[in-house]
Amino acid sequence: MSKVNLSLQVLPVVAGDQIYEVVDQVINLIHNSGLKYVVGPMETTIEGELEPMLDLVKKAQQVCVDAGASRVISVVKIDYSPDGVTIDEKIDKYRC
């Protein structure tokens, strides 16, 4: 399968002062996956094969629960093209 982009926003239900700490743990999980990614202010976009990224979404849910979240709301967006989709083709012209 071609490369796709998957954007993930996790909203762990934890105390307000713990949200960034839990989100940081999810970003660390993504970092350790070895997949290319870009962190944005509202979501993280990941590039790769679809199946491993869907597994990563499941693991992200568990990271939140393990960190004490009583509930996790996740927003997932997938950009797919048979020819492949890259992060660079979308944002290179905007980088400083």
N, C-alpha and C. Protein backbone atom coordinates (compact mmCIF):
# COMPACT_ATOMS: atom_id res chain seq x y z
N MET A 1 0.84 -1.19 0.00
CA MET A 1 0.00 0.00 0.00
C MET A 1 0.88 1.24 0.00
N SER A 2 0.38 2.33 -0.54
CA SER A 2 1.09 3.60 -0.60
C SER A 2 1.16 4.25 0.76
N LYS A 3 2.09 5.19 0.86
CA LYS A 3 2.16 5.99 2.08
C LYS A 3 0.90 6.83 2.20
N VAL A 4 0.44 6.96 3.43
CA VAL A 4 -0.70 7.81 3.72
C VAL A 4 -0.31 8.77 4.83
N ASN A 5 -1.11 9.79 5.03
CA ASN A 5 -0.97 10.68 6.18
C ASN A 5 -2.11 10.40 7.12
N LEU A 6 -1.80 10.29 8.39
CA LEU A 6 -2.81 10.11 9.42
C LEU A 6 -2.57 11.17 10.47
N SER A 7 -3.59 11.97 10.73
CA SER A 7 -3.51 12.97 11.79
C SER A 7 -4.27 12.46 13.00
N LEU A 8 -3.63 12.58 14.15
CA LEU A 8 -4.22 12.08 15.40
C LEU A 8 -4.27 13.19 16.43
N GLN A 9 -5.45 13.39 16.97
CA GLN A 9 -5.64 14.29 18.10
C GLN A 9 -6.21 13.46 19.23
N VAL A 10 -5.51 13.41 20.37
CA VAL A 10 -6.04 12.69 21.53
C VAL A 10 -6.47 13.70 22.58
N LEU A 11 -7.61 13.42 23.18
CA LEU A 11 -8.17 14.26 24.23
C LEU A 11 -8.42 13.36 25.44
N PRO A 12 -7.39 13.17 26.27
CA PRO A 12 -7.56 12.31 27.43
C PRO A 12 -8.36 13.02 28.52
N VAL A 13 -9.27 12.30 29.12
CA VAL A 13 -10.04 12.87 30.23
C VAL A 13 -9.23 12.64 31.50
N VAL A 14 -8.48 13.68 31.86
CA VAL A 14 -7.65 13.70 33.07
C VAL A 14 -7.79 15.09 33.67
N ALA A 15 -7.21 15.29 34.84
CA ALA A 15 -7.21 16.61 35.45
C ALA A 15 -6.55 17.60 34.49
N GLY A 16 -7.06 18.84 34.48
CA GLY A 16 -6.58 19.84 33.55
C GLY A 16 -5.08 20.05 33.53
N ASP A 17 -4.45 19.93 34.68
CA ASP A 17 -3.01 20.15 34.73
C ASP A 17 -2.20 18.94 34.28
N GLN A 18 -2.87 17.85 33.90
CA GLN A 18 -2.18 16.64 33.45
C GLN A 18 -2.31 16.41 31.94
N ILE A 19 -3.10 17.21 31.27
CA ILE A 19 -3.38 16.96 29.86
C ILE A 19 -2.10 16.96 29.03
N TYR A 20 -1.28 18.00 29.16
CA TYR A 20 -0.06 18.07 28.34
C TYR A 20 0.89 16.93 28.66
N GLU A 21 0.95 16.54 29.91
CA GLU A 21 1.82 15.42 30.29
C GLU A 21 1.40 14.13 29.59
N VAL A 22 0.11 13.87 29.53
CA VAL A 22 -0.38 12.66 28.88
C VAL A 22 -0.19 12.75 27.36
N VAL A 23 -0.49 13.91 26.79
CA VAL A 23 -0.28 14.09 25.35
C VAL A 23 1.20 13.93 25.01
N ASP A 24 2.08 14.42 25.86
CA ASP A 24 3.52 14.24 25.64
C ASP A 24 3.89 12.75 25.59
N GLN A 25 3.24 11.95 26.40
CA GLN A 25 3.51 10.51 26.38
C GLN A 25 3.07 9.89 25.05
N VAL A 26 1.97 10.37 24.51
CA VAL A 26 1.51 9.87 23.21
C VAL A 26 2.49 10.30 22.12
N ILE A 27 2.95 11.54 22.17
CA ILE A 27 3.93 12.01 21.18
C ILE A 27 5.22 11.20 21.29
N ASN A 28 5.62 10.86 22.48
CA ASN A 28 6.81 10.02 22.67
C ASN A 28 6.60 8.64 22.04
N LEU A 29 5.40 8.07 22.19
CA LEU A 29 5.07 6.81 21.54
C LEU A 29 5.22 6.93 20.02
N ILE A 30 4.71 8.01 19.46
CA ILE A 30 4.81 8.23 18.02
C ILE A 30 6.27 8.38 17.62
N HIS A 31 7.03 9.15 18.38
CA HIS A 31 8.46 9.33 18.10
C HIS A 31 9.19 7.99 18.08
N ASN A 32 8.91 7.16 19.06
CA ASN A 32 9.59 5.86 19.17
C ASN A 32 9.14 4.86 18.11
N SER A 33 8.06 5.18 17.38
CA SER A 33 7.59 4.27 16.33
C SER A 33 8.53 4.26 15.12
N GLY A 34 9.32 5.30 14.99
CA GLY A 34 10.21 5.41 13.84
C GLY A 34 9.55 5.99 12.61
N LEU A 35 8.26 6.27 12.69
CA LEU A 35 7.55 6.86 11.56
C LEU A 35 7.81 8.36 11.49
N LYS A 36 7.75 8.91 10.30
CA LYS A 36 7.90 10.35 10.13
C LYS A 36 6.65 11.02 10.69
N TYR A 37 6.84 12.13 11.41
CA TYR A 37 5.70 12.82 11.99
C TYR A 37 5.99 14.30 12.16
N VAL A 38 4.93 15.09 12.28
CA VAL A 38 5.02 16.51 12.54
C VAL A 38 4.01 16.83 13.63
N VAL A 39 4.48 17.45 14.71
CA VAL A 39 3.60 17.85 15.80
C VAL A 39 3.06 19.24 15.50
N GLY A 40 1.75 19.36 15.57
CA GLY A 40 1.10 20.65 15.42
C GLY A 40 0.45 21.06 16.72
N PRO A 41 -0.11 22.24 16.79
CA PRO A 41 -0.71 22.70 18.05
C PRO A 41 -1.99 21.97 18.43
N MET A 42 -2.65 21.31 17.46
CA MET A 42 -3.91 20.64 17.75
C MET A 42 -3.89 19.15 17.46
N GLU A 43 -2.89 18.68 16.70
CA GLU A 43 -2.83 17.27 16.32
C GLU A 43 -1.43 16.96 15.82
N THR A 44 -1.15 15.69 15.71
CA THR A 44 0.13 15.23 15.17
C THR A 44 -0.16 14.46 13.89
N THR A 45 0.57 14.78 12.83
CA THR A 45 0.41 14.10 11.54
C THR A 45 1.56 13.13 11.36
N ILE A 46 1.21 11.91 10.97
CA ILE A 46 2.16 10.82 10.84
C ILE A 46 2.11 10.32 9.40
N GLU A 47 3.27 9.90 8.87
CA GLU A 47 3.36 9.40 7.51
C GLU A 47 3.83 7.96 7.52
N GLY A 48 3.17 7.11 6.75
CA GLY A 48 3.60 5.72 6.66
C GLY A 48 2.52 4.84 6.08
N GLU A 49 2.69 3.55 6.29
CA GLU A 49 1.69 2.57 5.85
C GLU A 49 0.51 2.61 6.82
N LEU A 50 -0.68 2.39 6.30
CA LEU A 50 -1.89 2.56 7.10
C LEU A 50 -1.98 1.62 8.30
N GLU A 51 -1.75 0.34 8.12
CA GLU A 51 -1.95 -0.64 9.20
C GLU A 51 -1.09 -0.34 10.43
N PRO A 52 0.22 -0.08 10.27
CA PRO A 52 1.00 0.24 11.47
C PRO A 52 0.52 1.52 12.16
N MET A 53 0.02 2.47 11.37
CA MET A 53 -0.46 3.70 12.00
C MET A 53 -1.77 3.47 12.75
N LEU A 54 -2.63 2.61 12.24
CA LEU A 54 -3.85 2.28 12.97
C LEU A 54 -3.52 1.56 14.27
N ASP A 55 -2.50 0.70 14.25
CA ASP A 55 -2.03 0.07 15.49
C ASP A 55 -1.51 1.12 16.46
N LEU A 56 -0.84 2.13 15.93
CA LEU A 56 -0.31 3.20 16.77
C LEU A 56 -1.45 3.97 17.44
N VAL A 57 -2.56 4.16 16.74
CA VAL A 57 -3.73 4.83 17.32
C VAL A 57 -4.23 4.02 18.52
N LYS A 58 -4.31 2.71 18.36
CA LYS A 58 -4.74 1.84 19.47
C LYS A 58 -3.79 1.97 20.66
N LYS A 59 -2.51 1.97 20.39
CA LYS A 59 -1.52 2.10 21.47
C LYS A 59 -1.61 3.46 22.14
N ALA A 60 -1.91 4.49 21.36
CA ALA A 60 -2.06 5.83 21.92
C ALA A 60 -3.22 5.87 22.91
N GLN A 61 -4.30 5.19 22.58
CA GLN A 61 -5.44 5.10 23.49
C GLN A 61 -5.00 4.48 24.82
N GLN A 62 -4.23 3.39 24.71
CA GLN A 62 -3.80 2.68 25.91
C GLN A 62 -2.83 3.51 26.73
N VAL A 63 -1.96 4.26 26.07
CA VAL A 63 -1.03 5.14 26.79
C VAL A 63 -1.83 6.11 27.67
N CYS A 64 -2.90 6.66 27.12
CA CYS A 64 -3.73 7.60 27.88
C CYS A 64 -4.39 6.91 29.08
N VAL A 65 -4.92 5.73 28.85
CA VAL A 65 -5.57 4.99 29.94
C VAL A 65 -4.55 4.63 31.02
N ASP A 66 -3.37 4.16 30.58
CA ASP A 66 -2.32 3.81 31.54
C ASP A 66 -1.86 5.02 32.35
N ALA A 67 -2.01 6.22 31.77
CA ALA A 67 -1.62 7.45 32.46
C ALA A 67 -2.73 7.98 33.36
N GLY A 68 -3.85 7.25 33.42
CA GLY A 68 -4.91 7.63 34.34
C GLY A 68 -6.15 8.23 33.71
N ALA A 69 -6.22 8.28 32.39
CA ALA A 69 -7.41 8.83 31.75
C ALA A 69 -8.60 7.89 31.97
N SER A 70 -9.72 8.47 32.37
CA SER A 70 -10.92 7.67 32.55
C SER A 70 -11.65 7.45 31.21
N ARG A 71 -11.24 8.25 30.24
CA ARG A 71 -11.84 8.17 28.91
C ARG A 71 -10.89 8.86 27.94
N VAL A 72 -10.91 8.44 26.69
CA VAL A 72 -10.05 9.07 25.68
C VAL A 72 -10.87 9.31 24.43
N ILE A 73 -10.90 10.55 24.02
CA ILE A 73 -11.56 10.89 22.76
C ILE A 73 -10.45 11.15 21.75
N SER A 74 -10.52 10.48 20.61
CA SER A 74 -9.51 10.66 19.58
C SER A 74 -10.16 11.07 18.27
N VAL A 75 -9.52 11.99 17.59
CA VAL A 75 -9.95 12.41 16.27
C VAL A 75 -8.86 11.94 15.30
N VAL A 76 -9.26 11.15 14.30
CA VAL A 76 -8.32 10.60 13.33
C VAL A 76 -8.74 11.04 11.94
N LYS A 77 -7.79 11.59 11.20
CA LYS A 77 -8.02 11.95 9.80
C LYS A 77 -6.99 11.21 8.96
N ILE A 78 -7.43 10.64 7.85
CA ILE A 78 -6.55 9.89 6.97
C ILE A 78 -6.63 10.47 5.57
N ASP A 79 -5.47 10.77 5.01
CA ASP A 79 -5.38 11.24 3.62
C ASP A 79 -4.71 10.13 2.82
N TYR A 80 -5.45 9.55 1.91
CA TYR A 80 -4.97 8.42 1.11
C TYR A 80 -5.04 8.75 -0.37
N SER A 81 -4.03 8.35 -1.09
CA SER A 81 -4.03 8.40 -2.56
C SER A 81 -3.33 7.14 -3.04
N PRO A 82 -3.80 6.51 -4.10
CA PRO A 82 -3.12 5.32 -4.61
C PRO A 82 -1.65 5.59 -4.96
N ASP A 83 -1.32 6.84 -5.28
CA ASP A 83 0.05 7.20 -5.61
C ASP A 83 0.89 7.56 -4.38
N GLY A 84 0.26 7.62 -3.22
CA GLY A 84 0.96 7.99 -2.00
C GLY A 84 0.78 9.46 -1.67
N VAL A 85 0.91 9.77 -0.41
CA VAL A 85 0.77 11.13 0.10
C VAL A 85 1.90 11.36 1.08
N THR A 86 2.57 12.50 0.97
CA THR A 86 3.64 12.80 1.92
C THR A 86 3.37 14.10 2.65
N ILE A 87 3.94 14.19 3.82
CA ILE A 87 3.85 15.43 4.60
C ILE A 87 4.57 16.55 3.86
N ASP A 88 5.75 16.24 3.32
CA ASP A 88 6.56 17.27 2.67
C ASP A 88 5.84 17.93 1.51
N GLU A 89 5.12 17.15 0.70
CA GLU A 89 4.46 17.75 -0.46
C GLU A 89 3.38 18.75 -0.02
N LYS A 90 2.88 18.58 1.19
CA LYS A 90 1.83 19.46 1.68
C LYS A 90 2.38 20.73 2.32
N ILE A 91 3.51 20.62 3.03
CA ILE A 91 3.91 21.77 3.85
C ILE A 91 5.30 22.33 3.56
N ASP A 92 6.07 21.74 2.66
CA ASP A 92 7.42 22.24 2.40
C ASP A 92 7.43 23.73 2.06
N LYS A 93 6.49 24.19 1.26
CA LYS A 93 6.50 25.59 0.85
C LYS A 93 6.19 26.56 1.99
N TYR A 94 5.70 26.02 3.12
CA TYR A 94 5.36 26.88 4.25
C TYR A 94 6.43 26.90 5.34
N ARG A 95 7.43 26.05 5.22
CA ARG A 95 8.47 25.99 6.24
C ARG A 95 9.38 27.19 6.13
N CYS A 96 9.78 27.72 7.28
CA CYS A 96 10.67 28.90 7.32
C CYS A 96 12.12 28.48 7.22
